[in-house]
Amino acid sequence: MSRKEKNAIKYRPNWPALVTSGARFSVLVHAITYLVVNLLLAGLNGLMVWLLHANWWVVWPLAGWGAALLIHAVAVALAPEVERVRNRIRRPELSFPA
């Protein structure tokens, strides 16, 4: 094995950790976007209710997008556990204890 190959193996990044940190960051970006956009929508809706006596429609985007954000966060939180179960299924020698 050449020196270059040894260094490539030695400094190989930890891909599962990089994927997990990227996924967590995507949830953070999703949550910040949700907050900013829905604050703007709530302000617009509040202005419409005050000026035009309109209905409070802002609850529908809050509920729908909030559900999507919750699903996204749960999927990212459970991803390492799902991967561990998949690895145990693929490799029977790592099976669950009896």
Protein backbone atom coordinates (compact mmCIF):
# COMPACT_ATOMS: atom_id res chain seq x y z
CA MET A 1 0.00 0.00 0.00
CA SER A 2 1.41 3.34 -0.98
CA ARG A 3 1.89 6.24 1.39
CA LYS A 4 -0.84 8.20 -0.40
CA GLU A 5 -3.35 5.38 0.11
CA LYS A 6 -2.43 5.13 3.81
CA ASN A 7 -2.98 8.86 4.25
CA ALA A 8 -6.31 8.67 2.42
CA ILE A 9 -7.50 5.97 4.81
CA LYS A 10 -6.08 7.76 7.85
CA TYR A 11 -7.83 11.06 7.06
CA ARG A 12 -11.09 9.68 5.72
CA PRO A 13 -13.94 11.80 7.07
CA ASN A 14 -16.57 10.27 9.30
CA TRP A 15 -19.42 10.30 6.77
CA PRO A 16 -22.28 9.31 9.12
CA ALA A 17 -21.35 12.18 11.45
CA LEU A 18 -21.20 14.63 8.53
CA VAL A 19 -24.59 13.50 7.24
CA THR A 20 -26.14 13.74 10.71
CA SER A 21 -24.76 17.24 11.32
CA GLY A 22 -25.97 18.35 7.89
CA ALA A 23 -29.41 16.93 8.56
CA ARG A 24 -29.60 18.68 11.93
CA PHE A 25 -28.55 21.94 10.30
CA SER A 26 -31.30 21.51 7.70
CA VAL A 27 -33.88 21.20 10.50
CA LEU A 28 -32.52 24.40 12.04
CA VAL A 29 -32.79 26.24 8.71
CA HIS A 30 -36.31 24.84 8.24
CA ALA A 31 -37.34 26.02 11.73
CA ILE A 32 -35.91 29.53 11.26
CA THR A 33 -37.60 29.86 7.87
CA TYR A 34 -40.88 28.64 9.39
CA LEU A 35 -40.64 31.20 12.16
CA VAL A 36 -39.75 34.18 9.95
CA VAL A 37 -42.30 33.47 7.21
CA ASN A 38 -45.12 32.72 9.63
CA LEU A 39 -44.42 35.86 11.67
CA LEU A 40 -44.76 37.86 8.45
CA LEU A 41 -47.96 36.00 7.56
CA ALA A 42 -49.37 36.56 11.06
CA GLY A 43 -48.60 40.27 10.83
CA LEU A 44 -50.24 40.49 7.42
CA ASN A 45 -53.26 38.55 8.64
CA GLY A 46 -53.51 40.72 11.77
CA LEU A 47 -53.48 43.83 9.59
CA MET A 48 -56.20 42.35 7.37
CA VAL A 49 -58.34 41.48 10.39
CA TRP A 50 -57.90 44.95 11.85
CA LEU A 51 -58.56 46.87 8.60
CA LEU A 52 -60.91 44.60 6.67
CA HIS A 53 -62.45 42.46 9.42
CA ALA A 54 -61.21 39.35 7.63
CA ASN A 55 -60.94 35.87 9.10
CA TRP A 56 -57.86 34.44 10.81
CA TRP A 57 -56.52 32.27 7.99
CA VAL A 58 -52.95 32.23 9.29
CA VAL A 59 -53.65 29.16 11.43
CA TRP A 60 -53.74 26.94 8.32
CA PRO A 61 -50.20 27.66 7.12
CA LEU A 62 -49.01 27.43 10.73
CA ALA A 63 -50.59 24.00 11.18
CA GLY A 64 -49.60 22.53 7.83
CA TRP A 65 -46.04 23.76 7.78
CA GLY A 66 -45.69 22.99 11.50
CA ALA A 67 -46.66 19.38 10.85
CA ALA A 68 -44.08 19.15 8.06
CA LEU A 69 -41.42 20.65 10.34
CA LEU A 70 -42.29 18.16 13.08
CA ILE A 71 -42.03 15.23 10.67
CA HIS A 72 -38.69 16.54 9.41
CA ALA A 73 -37.30 16.89 12.95
CA VAL A 74 -38.51 13.43 14.01
CA ALA A 75 -37.04 11.83 10.88
CA VAL A 76 -33.65 13.44 11.55
CA ALA A 77 -33.77 12.47 15.23
CA LEU A 78 -34.56 8.83 14.41
CA ALA A 79 -32.15 8.49 11.46
CA PRO A 80 -29.19 7.11 13.48
CA GLU A 81 -31.41 4.52 15.16
CA VAL A 82 -32.90 3.42 11.84
CA GLU A 83 -29.41 3.05 10.37
CA ARG A 84 -28.31 0.94 13.34
CA VAL A 85 -31.29 -1.40 12.88
CA ARG A 86 -30.58 -1.67 9.15
CA ASN A 87 -26.97 -2.61 9.84
CA ARG A 88 -28.07 -5.30 12.28
CA ILE A 89 -30.47 -6.72 9.71
CA ARG A 90 -27.78 -6.74 7.04
CA ARG A 91 -25.22 -8.33 9.37
CA PRO A 92 -26.84 -11.12 11.37
CA GLU A 93 -23.77 -11.51 13.63
CA LEU A 94 -24.74 -8.15 15.13
CA SER A 95 -28.24 -9.36 15.94
CA PHE A 96 -30.16 -8.13 18.93
CA PRO A 97 -29.47 -9.80 22.28
CA ALA A 98 -31.97 -12.47 23.31
